[in-house]
Amino acid sequence: MTRLAYLNGQFVPEESLSVPIYDAGFVQGVTVAEQLRTFGGKLFRLDRHLERLRRSLEIIRISGIDLASISDAAQELASHNHKLMAPGDDLGLSLFVTPGPYSTFAPPGPHVPMIGMHTYPIPFHLWNDKYTIGERLIVSSVRQVPNNCWPLELKCRSRMHYYLADREAREREPGARALLLDQDDFIAEASTASVILYRNGEGFLSPPREKVLPGVSVGVLEELAREMGFAFLHRDLTVDDAHSADEVILCSTSPCLLPVVSLDGRPIGVGVAGAVARQVVAAWSRLVGLDLVEQAKRFAKRDLT
């Protein structure tokens, strides 16, 4: 059995998946995308990712995409490729849509959207130790893309700002990642992750929903927090708010939750992974039926052999 990918309605051998050099997704970076992962081989919150994809397609005026068929294909693809993995391992799934050929470069012919999916082993080695030692953030001079460039609810592949921000962060502190502010100096997000603060007596604090990409993982965190009796509030957050927080957490698809232990070289809280972050990681583990930390530790070496 061979690993498969999906392209324009067909399952194909993974190695044959390709995007033409004249596709608008390559030429102009016009690609909307969703990143998902499995737990126990099952795609997590697929419906919410597809709803966000629906809105992204609406924003860039791509119509006629059958999301029900994409849902079926994503589940079939994940199931097939997961069977090729070791027991207990999981995979990520990348789903992308482009407008199709870029007319100036493309040969004559029908111009229809390109829809693709592929899977990959989750790169646990990139963060397996971060559950305990934590992430370090640097406030970057590179800002979040303002809402008047494209709507913040658009999930797209145009991420030059992440690249530049992370490069700056690593130059200032090797191994750190970037914290991006918006045009008004409020916290927007980290590179590829949502930023959540925690304050004793106040609860979890997240940027206003209308000012950030609607994070699927943030939604899960909010559900868990409320079930555990924590308040979850949305409001503008400053760098000073982060410095004075008891805990800071990054939230994203594959790691789910990672504690932040320092910002610009200054410790968050006592400078180690906090008790609340550990509680929520445990709650997330119970939700998905596996130990996030143990799985990451177990399969981190797989990526390095």
C-alpha atoms as a PDB file:
ATOM      1  CA  MET A   1       0.000   0.000   0.000  1.00  0.00           C
ATOM      2  CA  THR A   2       1.369   3.407  -1.022  1.00  0.00           C
ATOM      3  CA  ARG A   3       0.789   6.857   0.441  1.00  0.00           C
ATOM      4  CA  LEU A   4      -1.815   8.843  -1.471  1.00  0.00           C
ATOM      5  CA  ALA A   5      -2.608  12.499  -2.053  1.00  0.00           C
ATOM      6  CA  TYR A   6      -5.649  14.199  -3.562  1.00  0.00           C
ATOM      7  CA  LEU A   7      -5.800  16.508  -6.559  1.00  0.00           C
ATOM      8  CA  ASN A   8      -8.875  17.882  -8.294  1.00  0.00           C
ATOM      9  CA  GLY A   9     -11.206  15.038  -7.414  1.00  0.00           C
ATOM     10  CA  GLN A  10      -8.748  12.172  -7.760  1.00  0.00           C
ATOM     11  CA  PHE A  11      -6.545  10.221  -5.381  1.00  0.00           C
ATOM     12  CA  VAL A  12      -3.023  10.051  -6.753  1.00  0.00           C
ATOM     13  CA  PRO A  13       0.295   8.633  -5.524  1.00  0.00           C
ATOM     14  CA  GLU A  14       1.744  11.167  -3.122  1.00  0.00           C
ATOM     15  CA  GLU A  15       4.931  11.628  -5.151  1.00  0.00           C
ATOM     16  CA  SER A  16       2.929  12.699  -8.211  1.00  0.00           C
ATOM     17  CA  LEU A  17       1.153  15.600  -6.483  1.00  0.00           C
ATOM     18  CA  SER A  18       2.340  18.852  -8.053  1.00  0.00           C
ATOM     19  CA  VAL A  19       1.242  22.415  -8.698  1.00  0.00           C
ATOM     20  CA  PRO A  20       2.065  23.933 -12.129  1.00  0.00           C
ATOM     21  CA  ILE A  21       4.543  26.797 -12.097  1.00  0.00           C
ATOM     22  CA  TYR A  22       1.900  28.951 -13.809  1.00  0.00           C
ATOM     23  CA  ASP A  23      -0.751  28.351 -11.145  1.00  0.00           C
ATOM     24  CA  ALA A  24      -1.917  31.519  -9.377  1.00  0.00           C
ATOM     25  CA  GLY A  25      -1.143  29.880  -6.057  1.00  0.00           C
ATOM     26  CA  PHE A  26       2.514  29.742  -7.065  1.00  0.00           C
ATOM     27  CA  VAL A  27       2.772  32.935  -9.129  1.00  0.00           C
ATOM     28  CA  GLN A  28       0.816  35.246  -6.830  1.00  0.00           C
ATOM     29  CA  GLY A  29       0.548  33.256  -3.626  1.00  0.00           C
ATOM     30  CA  VAL A  30      -3.237  33.192  -3.958  1.00  0.00           C
ATOM     31  CA  THR A  31      -3.870  30.069  -1.921  1.00  0.00           C
ATOM     32  CA  VAL A  32      -6.386  29.457   0.838  1.00  0.00           C
ATOM     33  CA  ALA A  33      -5.499  26.570   3.076  1.00  0.00           C
ATOM     34  CA  GLU A  34      -6.349  24.602   6.183  1.00  0.00           C
ATOM     35  CA  GLN A  35      -4.022  22.522   8.310  1.00  0.00           C
ATOM     36  CA  LEU A  36      -5.574  19.640  10.250  1.00  0.00           C
ATOM     37  CA  ARG A  37      -4.276  16.788  12.328  1.00  0.00           C
ATOM     38  CA  THR A  38      -5.533  13.414  13.417  1.00  0.00           C
ATOM     39  CA  PHE A  39      -5.933  11.912  16.858  1.00  0.00           C
ATOM     40  CA  GLY A  40      -6.052   8.151  16.720  1.00  0.00           C
ATOM     41  CA  GLY A  41      -6.224   8.441  12.949  1.00  0.00           C
ATOM     42  CA  LYS A  42      -9.380  10.591  12.953  1.00  0.00           C
ATOM     43  CA  LEU A  43      -9.318  14.175  11.663  1.00  0.00           C
ATOM     44  CA  PHE A  44      -9.987  16.609  14.500  1.00  0.00           C
ATOM     45  CA  ARG A  45     -12.710  19.247  14.138  1.00  0.00           C
ATOM     46  CA  LEU A  46     -12.892  18.787  10.376  1.00  0.00           C
ATOM     47  CA  ASP A  47     -16.269  20.530  10.220  1.00  0.00           C
ATOM     48  CA  ARG A  48     -14.889  23.711  11.781  1.00  0.00           C
ATOM     49  CA  HIS A  49     -11.906  23.783   9.458  1.00  0.00           C
ATOM     50  CA  LEU A  50     -14.194  23.386   6.452  1.00  0.00           C
ATOM     51  CA  GLU A  51     -16.438  26.175   7.666  1.00  0.00           C
ATOM     52  CA  ARG A  52     -13.431  28.473   7.873  1.00  0.00           C
ATOM     53  CA  LEU A  53     -12.369  27.304   4.400  1.00  0.00           C
ATOM     54  CA  ARG A  54     -15.851  28.105   3.101  1.00  0.00           C
ATOM     55  CA  ARG A  55     -15.503  31.676   4.345  1.00  0.00           C
ATOM     56  CA  SER A  56     -12.001  32.017   2.855  1.00  0.00           C
ATOM     57  CA  LEU A  57     -13.274  30.827  -0.532  1.00  0.00           C
ATOM     58  CA  GLU A  58     -16.108  33.317  -0.312  1.00  0.00           C
ATOM     59  CA  ILE A  59     -13.672  36.151   0.379  1.00  0.00           C
ATOM     60  CA  ILE A  60     -11.497  35.410  -2.664  1.00  0.00           C
ATOM     61  CA  ARG A  61     -14.563  34.748  -4.849  1.00  0.00           C
ATOM     62  CA  ILE A  62     -14.020  31.063  -5.583  1.00  0.00           C
ATOM     63  CA  SER A  63     -17.378  29.334  -5.926  1.00  0.00           C
ATOM     64  CA  GLY A  64     -18.666  25.905  -6.842  1.00  0.00           C
ATOM     65  CA  ILE A  65     -16.449  23.953  -4.437  1.00  0.00           C
ATOM     66  CA  ASP A  66     -18.295  20.960  -2.977  1.00  0.00           C
ATOM     67  CA  LEU A  67     -17.190  20.973   0.653  1.00  0.00           C
ATOM     68  CA  ALA A  68     -19.105  17.772   1.416  1.00  0.00           C
ATOM     69  CA  SER A  69     -17.025  15.931  -1.188  1.00  0.00           C
ATOM     70  CA  ILE A  70     -13.852  17.482   0.218  1.00  0.00           C
ATOM     71  CA  SER A  71     -14.843  16.314   3.680  1.00  0.00           C
ATOM     72  CA  ASP A  72     -15.346  12.745   2.456  1.00  0.00           C
ATOM     73  CA  ALA A  73     -12.075  12.787   0.540  1.00  0.00           C
ATOM     74  CA  ALA A  74     -10.121  14.216   3.489  1.00  0.00           C
ATOM     75  CA  GLN A  75     -11.384  11.489   5.789  1.00  0.00           C
ATOM     76  CA  GLU A  76     -10.650   8.768   3.244  1.00  0.00           C
ATOM     77  CA  LEU A  77      -7.163  10.131   2.599  1.00  0.00           C
ATOM     78  CA  ALA A  78      -6.332  10.392   6.295  1.00  0.00           C
ATOM     79  CA  SER A  79      -7.662   6.899   6.981  1.00  0.00           C
ATOM     80  CA  HIS A  80      -5.657   5.371   4.124  1.00  0.00           C
ATOM     81  CA  ASN A  81      -2.359   7.047   4.999  1.00  0.00           C
ATOM     82  CA  HIS A  82      -2.759   6.562   8.740  1.00  0.00           C
ATOM     83  CA  LYS A  83      -2.818   2.805   8.218  1.00  0.00           C
ATOM     84  CA  LEU A  84       0.787   3.059   6.981  1.00  0.00           C
ATOM     85  CA  MET A  85       1.983   4.564  10.259  1.00  0.00           C
ATOM     86  CA  ALA A  86       3.149   2.923  13.473  1.00  0.00           C
ATOM     87  CA  PRO A  87       0.468   2.252  16.093  1.00  0.00           C
ATOM     88  CA  GLY A  88      -0.127   5.353  18.209  1.00  0.00           C
ATOM     89  CA  ASP A  89       1.319   7.765  15.630  1.00  0.00           C
ATOM     90  CA  ASP A  90      -0.693  10.511  13.932  1.00  0.00           C
ATOM     91  CA  LEU A  91      -0.499  12.670  10.842  1.00  0.00           C
ATOM     92  CA  GLY A  92      -1.172  16.174   9.645  1.00  0.00           C
ATOM     93  CA  LEU A  93      -3.283  16.980   6.608  1.00  0.00           C
ATOM     94  CA  SER A  94      -2.774  20.020   4.408  1.00  0.00           C
ATOM     95  CA  LEU A  95      -5.739  21.174   2.314  1.00  0.00           C
ATOM     96  CA  PHE A  96      -5.304  23.959  -0.237  1.00  0.00           C
ATOM     97  CA  VAL A  97      -7.323  25.675  -2.941  1.00  0.00           C
ATOM     98  CA  THR A  98      -6.044  28.086  -5.602  1.00  0.00           C
ATOM     99  CA  PRO A  99      -7.956  29.997  -8.318  1.00  0.00           C
ATOM    100  CA  GLY A 100      -6.145  27.907 -10.935  1.00  0.00           C
ATOM    101  CA  PRO A 101      -3.890  29.106 -13.765  1.00  0.00           C
ATOM    102  CA  TYR A 102      -2.538  32.652 -13.829  1.00  0.00           C
ATOM    103  CA  SER A 103      -3.608  33.866 -17.267  1.00  0.00           C
ATOM    104  CA  THR A 104      -0.430  35.786 -18.166  1.00  0.00           C
ATOM    105  CA  PHE A 105       1.791  32.706 -17.783  1.00  0.00           C
ATOM    106  CA  ALA A 106      -0.600  29.826 -18.427  1.00  0.00           C
ATOM    107  CA  PRO A 107      -1.128  28.037 -21.729  1.00  0.00           C
ATOM    108  CA  PRO A 108      -4.575  28.268 -23.344  1.00  0.00           C
ATOM    109  CA  GLY A 109      -7.197  26.026 -21.840  1.00  0.00           C
ATOM    110  CA  PRO A 110      -9.855  25.843 -19.143  1.00  0.00           C
ATOM    111  CA  HIS A 111      -9.048  27.823 -16.017  1.00  0.00           C
ATOM    112  CA  VAL A 112     -10.599  26.112 -13.013  1.00  0.00           C
ATOM    113  CA  PRO A 113      -9.633  26.126  -9.325  1.00  0.00           C
ATOM    114  CA  MET A 114      -7.054  23.663  -8.080  1.00  0.00           C
ATOM    115  CA  ILE A 115      -7.928  21.625  -4.993  1.00  0.00           C
ATOM    116  CA  GLY A 116      -5.258  19.543  -3.316  1.00  0.00           C
ATOM    117  CA  MET A 117      -4.620  17.588  -0.128  1.00  0.00           C
ATOM    118  CA  HIS A 118      -1.642  15.736   1.231  1.00  0.00           C
ATOM    119  CA  THR A 119      -0.648  14.281   4.570  1.00  0.00           C
ATOM    120  CA  TYR A 120       2.617  14.189   6.491  1.00  0.00           C
ATOM    121  CA  PRO A 121       3.916  12.667   9.721  1.00  0.00           C
ATOM    122  CA  ILE A 122       3.459  15.240  12.483  1.00  0.00           C
ATOM    123  CA  PRO A 123       6.937  16.694  13.208  1.00  0.00           C
ATOM    124  CA  PHE A 124       6.827  16.091  16.952  1.00  0.00           C
ATOM    125  CA  HIS A 125      10.580  16.709  17.255  1.00  0.00           C
ATOM    126  CA  LEU A 126       9.973  20.420  16.672  1.00  0.00           C
ATOM    127  CA  TRP A 127       8.135  20.850  19.973  1.00  0.00           C
ATOM    128  CA  ASN A 128       8.105  17.659  22.051  1.00  0.00           C
ATOM    129  CA  ASP A 129      10.279  19.287  24.745  1.00  0.00           C
ATOM    130  CA  LYS A 130       8.356  22.582  24.641  1.00  0.00           C
ATOM    131  CA  TYR A 131       5.517  21.180  26.766  1.00  0.00           C
ATOM    132  CA  THR A 132       7.932  21.237  29.698  1.00  0.00           C
ATOM    133  CA  ILE A 133      10.619  23.829  28.900  1.00  0.00           C
ATOM    134  CA  GLY A 134       8.246  26.220  27.123  1.00  0.00           C
ATOM    135  CA  GLU A 135       8.483  28.593  24.182  1.00  0.00           C
ATOM    136  CA  ARG A 136      10.320  31.933  24.146  1.00  0.00           C
ATOM    137  CA  LEU A 137       8.825  34.905  22.321  1.00  0.00           C
ATOM    138  CA  ILE A 138      10.330  38.089  20.915  1.00  0.00           C
ATOM    139  CA  VAL A 139       8.161  41.081  19.998  1.00  0.00           C
ATOM    140  CA  SER A 140       8.924  41.664  16.334  1.00  0.00           C
ATOM    141  CA  SER A 141       9.055  44.950  14.472  1.00  0.00           C
ATOM    142  CA  VAL A 142       7.190  43.133  11.692  1.00  0.00           C
ATOM    143  CA  ARG A 143       3.454  43.738  12.136  1.00  0.00           C
ATOM    144  CA  GLN A 144       0.419  41.624  11.461  1.00  0.00           C
ATOM    145  CA  VAL A 145      -1.055  42.239   8.011  1.00  0.00           C
ATOM    146  CA  PRO A 146      -3.715  44.942   8.541  1.00  0.00           C
ATOM    147  CA  ASN A 147      -7.361  44.220   7.913  1.00  0.00           C
ATOM    148  CA  ASN A 148      -7.438  46.670   4.995  1.00  0.00           C
ATOM    149  CA  CYS A 149      -5.014  44.446   3.082  1.00  0.00           C
ATOM    150  CA  TRP A 150      -7.121  41.334   3.440  1.00  0.00           C
ATOM    151  CA  PRO A 151      -9.770  40.310   5.995  1.00  0.00           C
ATOM    152  CA  LEU A 152      -8.193  38.788   9.090  1.00  0.00           C
ATOM    153  CA  GLU A 153     -10.640  35.883   8.878  1.00  0.00           C
ATOM    154  CA  LEU A 154      -8.996  34.811   5.614  1.00  0.00           C
ATOM    155  CA  LYS A 155      -6.805  31.737   6.146  1.00  0.00           C
ATOM    156  CA  CYS A 156      -4.215  31.998   3.401  1.00  0.00           C
ATOM    157  CA  ARG A 157      -0.671  30.930   2.524  1.00  0.00           C
ATOM    158  CA  SER A 158       0.660  34.480   2.120  1.00  0.00           C
ATOM    159  CA  ARG A 159       2.975  34.431   5.125  1.00  0.00           C
ATOM    160  CA  MET A 160       6.022  36.517   4.272  1.00  0.00           C
ATOM    161  CA  HIS A 161       5.409  38.500   7.460  1.00  0.00           C
ATOM    162  CA  TYR A 162       5.790  35.319   9.545  1.00  0.00           C
ATOM    163  CA  TYR A 163       9.049  34.490   7.815  1.00  0.00           C
ATOM    164  CA  LEU A 164      10.529  37.934   8.354  1.00  0.00           C
ATOM    165  CA  ALA A 165       9.274  38.174  11.933  1.00  0.00           C
ATOM    166  CA  ASP A 166      10.701  34.787  12.922  1.00  0.00           C
ATOM    167  CA  ARG A 167      14.016  35.564  11.262  1.00  0.00           C
ATOM    168  CA  GLU A 168      14.247  38.768  13.303  1.00  0.00           C
ATOM    169  CA  ALA A 169      13.283  36.926  16.504  1.00  0.00           C
ATOM    170  CA  ARG A 170      15.947  34.247  16.010  1.00  0.00           C
ATOM    171  CA  GLU A 171      18.597  36.849  15.305  1.00  0.00           C
ATOM    172  CA  ARG A 172      17.807  38.483  18.642  1.00  0.00           C
ATOM    173  CA  GLU A 173      17.414  35.246  20.608  1.00  0.00           C
ATOM    174  CA  PRO A 174      18.310  31.906  18.972  1.00  0.00           C
ATOM    175  CA  GLY A 175      15.441  29.444  19.208  1.00  0.00           C
ATOM    176  CA  ALA A 176      12.798  32.079  19.917  1.00  0.00           C
ATOM    177  CA  ARG A 177       9.763  32.782  17.773  1.00  0.00           C
ATOM    178  CA  ALA A 178       8.012  36.015  16.913  1.00  0.00           C
ATOM    179  CA  LEU A 179       5.126  37.778  18.595  1.00  0.00           C
ATOM    180  CA  LEU A 180       3.388  40.076  16.119  1.00  0.00           C
ATOM    181  CA  LEU A 181       1.476  43.207  17.049  1.00  0.00           C
ATOM    182  CA  ASP A 182      -1.225  44.892  15.009  1.00  0.00           C
ATOM    183  CA  GLN A 183      -1.075  48.447  13.684  1.00  0.00           C
ATOM    184  CA  ASP A 184      -2.326  49.792  17.039  1.00  0.00           C
ATOM    185  CA  ASP A 185       0.346  48.008  19.124  1.00  0.00           C
ATOM    186  CA  PHE A 186      -2.027  45.353  20.429  1.00  0.00           C
ATOM    187  CA  ILE A 187      -1.078  41.671  20.452  1.00  0.00           C
ATOM    188  CA  ALA A 188      -2.197  39.940  17.264  1.00  0.00           C
ATOM    189  CA  GLU A 189      -0.606  36.483  17.198  1.00  0.00           C
ATOM    190  CA  ALA A 190       2.630  34.556  17.236  1.00  0.00           C
ATOM    191  CA  SER A 191       3.960  33.164  13.983  1.00  0.00           C
ATOM    192  CA  THR A 192       1.508  30.350  13.109  1.00  0.00           C
ATOM    193  CA  ALA A 193      -0.093  30.339  16.567  1.00  0.00           C
ATOM    194  CA  SER A 194      -2.721  32.176  18.577  1.00  0.00           C
ATOM    195  CA  VAL A 195      -1.634  33.890  21.802  1.00  0.00           C
ATOM    196  CA  ILE A 196      -3.669  33.461  24.978  1.00  0.00           C
ATOM    197  CA  LEU A 197      -2.896  35.060  28.355  1.00  0.00           C
ATOM    198  CA  TYR A 198      -3.939  33.733  31.751  1.00  0.00           C
ATOM    199  CA  ARG A 199      -4.383  35.848  34.877  1.00  0.00           C
ATOM    200  CA  ASN A 200      -5.223  34.503  38.299  1.00  0.00           C
ATOM    201  CA  GLY A 201      -8.635  35.814  39.276  1.00  0.00           C
ATOM    202  CA  GLU A 202      -9.481  36.896  35.729  1.00  0.00           C
ATOM    203  CA  GLY A 203      -9.095  33.774  33.614  1.00  0.00           C
ATOM    204  CA  PHE A 204      -8.005  33.349  30.007  1.00  0.00           C
ATOM    205  CA  LEU A 205      -7.646  36.433  27.810  1.00  0.00           C
ATOM    206  CA  SER A 206      -7.676  36.374  24.030  1.00  0.00           C
ATOM    207  CA  PRO A 207      -7.592  39.213  21.462  1.00  0.00           C
ATOM    208  CA  PRO A 208     -11.020  40.343  20.206  1.00  0.00           C
ATOM    209  CA  ARG A 209     -12.532  37.847  17.775  1.00  0.00           C
ATOM    210  CA  GLU A 210     -12.900  40.471  15.052  1.00  0.00           C
ATOM    211  CA  LYS A 211      -9.187  41.328  15.175  1.00  0.00           C
ATOM    212  CA  VAL A 212      -7.651  37.883  14.626  1.00  0.00           C
ATOM    213  CA  LEU A 213      -8.016  34.783  12.500  1.00  0.00           C
ATOM    214  CA  PRO A 214     -10.751  32.604  14.026  1.00  0.00           C
ATOM    215  CA  GLY A 215      -8.615  29.828  15.475  1.00  0.00           C
ATOM    216  CA  VAL A 216     -10.108  26.353  15.600  1.00  0.00           C
ATOM    217  CA  SER A 217      -7.727  25.376  18.403  1.00  0.00           C
ATOM    218  CA  VAL A 218      -8.593  28.534  20.342  1.00  0.00           C
ATOM    219  CA  GLY A 219     -12.231  27.471  20.159  1.00  0.00           C
ATOM    220  CA  VAL A 220     -11.323  24.115  21.683  1.00  0.00           C
ATOM    221  CA  LEU A 221      -9.324  25.830  24.422  1.00  0.00           C
ATOM    222  CA  GLU A 222     -12.274  28.084  25.206  1.00  0.00           C
ATOM    223  CA  GLU A 223     -14.575  25.056  25.486  1.00  0.00           C
ATOM    224  CA  LEU A 224     -12.169  23.271  27.815  1.00  0.00           C
ATOM    225  CA  ALA A 225     -11.558  26.366  29.914  1.00  0.00           C
ATOM    226  CA  ARG A 226     -15.247  26.917  30.550  1.00  0.00           C
ATOM    227  CA  GLU A 227     -15.774  23.224  31.365  1.00  0.00           C
ATOM    228  CA  MET A 228     -12.968  23.537  33.927  1.00  0.00           C
ATOM    229  CA  GLY A 229     -14.562  26.604  35.495  1.00  0.00           C
ATOM    230  CA  PHE A 230     -12.224  29.244  34.045  1.00  0.00           C
ATOM    231  CA  ALA A 231     -13.487  32.470  32.520  1.00  0.00           C
ATOM    232  CA  PHE A 232     -12.503  33.106  28.903  1.00  0.00           C
ATOM    233  CA  LEU A 233     -12.567  36.751  27.813  1.00  0.00           C
ATOM    234  CA  HIS A 234     -11.827  38.569  24.561  1.00  0.00           C
ATOM    235  CA  ARG A 235     -10.265  42.042  24.670  1.00  0.00           C
ATOM    236  CA  ASP A 236      -7.347  44.094  23.405  1.00  0.00           C
ATOM    237  CA  LEU A 237      -4.059  42.927  24.920  1.00  0.00           C
ATOM    238  CA  THR A 238      -0.792  44.841  25.166  1.00  0.00           C
ATOM    239  CA  VAL A 239       2.788  43.691  25.521  1.00  0.00           C
ATOM    240  CA  ASP A 240       2.661  44.924  29.124  1.00  0.00           C
ATOM    241  CA  ASP A 241      -0.358  42.672  29.671  1.00  0.00           C
ATOM    242  CA  ALA A 242       1.719  39.719  28.481  1.00  0.00           C
ATOM    243  CA  HIS A 243       4.687  40.626  30.674  1.00  0.00           C
ATOM    244  CA  SER A 244       2.460  40.821  33.745  1.00  0.00           C
ATOM    245  CA  ALA A 245       0.391  37.706  32.977  1.00  0.00           C
ATOM    246  CA  ASP A 246       0.680  34.687  35.215  1.00  0.00           C
ATOM    247  CA  GLU A 247       0.884  32.444  32.159  1.00  0.00           C
ATOM    248  CA  VAL A 248       0.969  32.776  28.375  1.00  0.00           C
ATOM    249  CA  ILE A 249      -0.060  29.951  26.056  1.00  0.00           C
ATOM    250  CA  LEU A 250       0.350  29.404  22.313  1.00  0.00           C
ATOM    251  CA  CYS A 251      -2.477  27.568  20.613  1.00  0.00           C
ATOM    252  CA  SER A 252      -2.191  25.889  17.199  1.00  0.00           C
ATOM    253  CA  THR A 253      -3.274  22.785  15.304  1.00  0.00           C
ATOM    254  CA  SER A 254      -0.495  20.250  15.710  1.00  0.00           C
ATOM    255  CA  PRO A 255       0.989  20.918  19.182  1.00  0.00           C
ATOM    256  CA  CYS A 256      -2.455  22.087  20.430  1.00  0.00           C
ATOM    257  CA  LEU A 257      -1.037  24.034  23.404  1.00  0.00           C
ATOM    258  CA  LEU A 258       2.454  25.187  24.339  1.00  0.00           C
ATOM    259  CA  PRO A 259       3.393  27.288  27.383  1.00  0.00           C
ATOM    260  CA  VAL A 260       5.433  30.473  26.933  1.00  0.00           C
ATOM    261  CA  VAL A 261       8.149  31.036  29.536  1.00  0.00           C
ATOM    262  CA  SER A 262       9.687  34.332  28.434  1.00  0.00           C
ATOM    263  CA  LEU A 263       8.992  37.435  26.367  1.00  0.00           C
ATOM    264  CA  ASP A 264      11.860  39.600  25.137  1.00  0.00           C
ATOM    265  CA  GLY A 265      14.145  37.802  27.576  1.00  0.00           C
ATOM    266  CA  ARG A 266      11.940  38.506  30.606  1.00  0.00           C
ATOM    267  CA  PRO A 267      10.286  35.544  32.363  1.00  0.00           C
ATOM    268  CA  ILE A 268       6.536  35.024  32.207  1.00  0.00           C
ATOM    269  CA  GLY A 269       5.292  34.233  35.695  1.00  0.00           C
ATOM    270  CA  VAL A 270       8.079  32.277  37.365  1.00  0.00           C
ATOM    271  CA  GLY A 271       9.711  31.441  34.029  1.00  0.00           C
ATOM    272  CA  VAL A 272       8.579  27.821  33.734  1.00  0.00           C
ATOM    273  CA  ALA A 273       5.577  26.039  32.262  1.00  0.00           C
ATOM    274  CA  GLY A 274       2.634  26.984  34.469  1.00  0.00           C
ATOM    275  CA  ALA A 275       0.155  24.824  36.344  1.00  0.00           C
ATOM    276  CA  VAL A 276      -2.843  26.047  34.335  1.00  0.00           C
ATOM    277  CA  ALA A 277      -1.167  25.188  31.031  1.00  0.00           C
ATOM    278  CA  ARG A 278      -0.473  21.691  32.348  1.00  0.00           C
ATOM    279  CA  GLN A 279      -4.104  21.330  33.441  1.00  0.00           C
ATOM    280  CA  VAL A 280      -5.410  22.338  30.037  1.00  0.00           C
ATOM    281  CA  VAL A 281      -2.976  20.035  28.209  1.00  0.00           C
ATOM    282  CA  ALA A 282      -4.269  17.211  30.396  1.00  0.00           C
ATOM    283  CA  ALA A 283      -7.877  18.185  29.614  1.00  0.00           C
ATOM    284  CA  TRP A 284      -7.121  18.284  25.884  1.00  0.00           C
ATOM    285  CA  SER A 285      -5.508  14.847  26.179  1.00  0.00           C
ATOM    286  CA  ARG A 286      -8.664  13.476  27.794  1.00  0.00           C
ATOM    287  CA  LEU A 287     -10.796  15.055  25.061  1.00  0.00           C
ATOM    288  CA  VAL A 288      -8.896  13.338  22.242  1.00  0.00           C
ATOM    289  CA  GLY A 289      -8.199  10.084  24.061  1.00  0.00           C
ATOM    290  CA  LEU A 290      -4.405  10.175  24.115  1.00  0.00           C
ATOM    291  CA  ASP A 291      -1.607  11.826  26.068  1.00  0.00           C
ATOM    292  CA  LEU A 292      -0.341  14.753  23.948  1.00  0.00           C
ATOM    293  CA  VAL A 293       2.973  14.986  25.768  1.00  0.00           C
ATOM    294  CA  GLU A 294       3.661  11.258  25.777  1.00  0.00           C
ATOM    295  CA  GLN A 295       2.797  10.900  22.086  1.00  0.00           C
ATOM    296  CA  ALA A 296       5.117  13.761  21.138  1.00  0.00           C
ATOM    297  CA  LYS A 297       7.927  12.283  23.220  1.00  0.00           C
ATOM    298  CA  ARG A 298       7.398   8.800  21.803  1.00  0.00           C
ATOM    299  CA  PHE A 299       7.435   9.772  18.136  1.00  0.00           C
ATOM    300  CA  ALA A 300       9.890  12.694  18.157  1.00  0.00           C
ATOM    301  CA  LYS A 301      12.787  10.333  17.350  1.00  0.00           C
ATOM    302  CA  ARG A 302      10.893   9.036  14.319  1.00  0.00           C
ATOM    303  CA  ASP A 303      11.583  12.325  12.517  1.00  0.00           C
ATOM    304  CA  LEU A 304      15.318  12.206  13.176  1.00  0.00           C
ATOM    305  CA  THR A 305      16.151   8.695  11.978  1.00  0.00           C
END
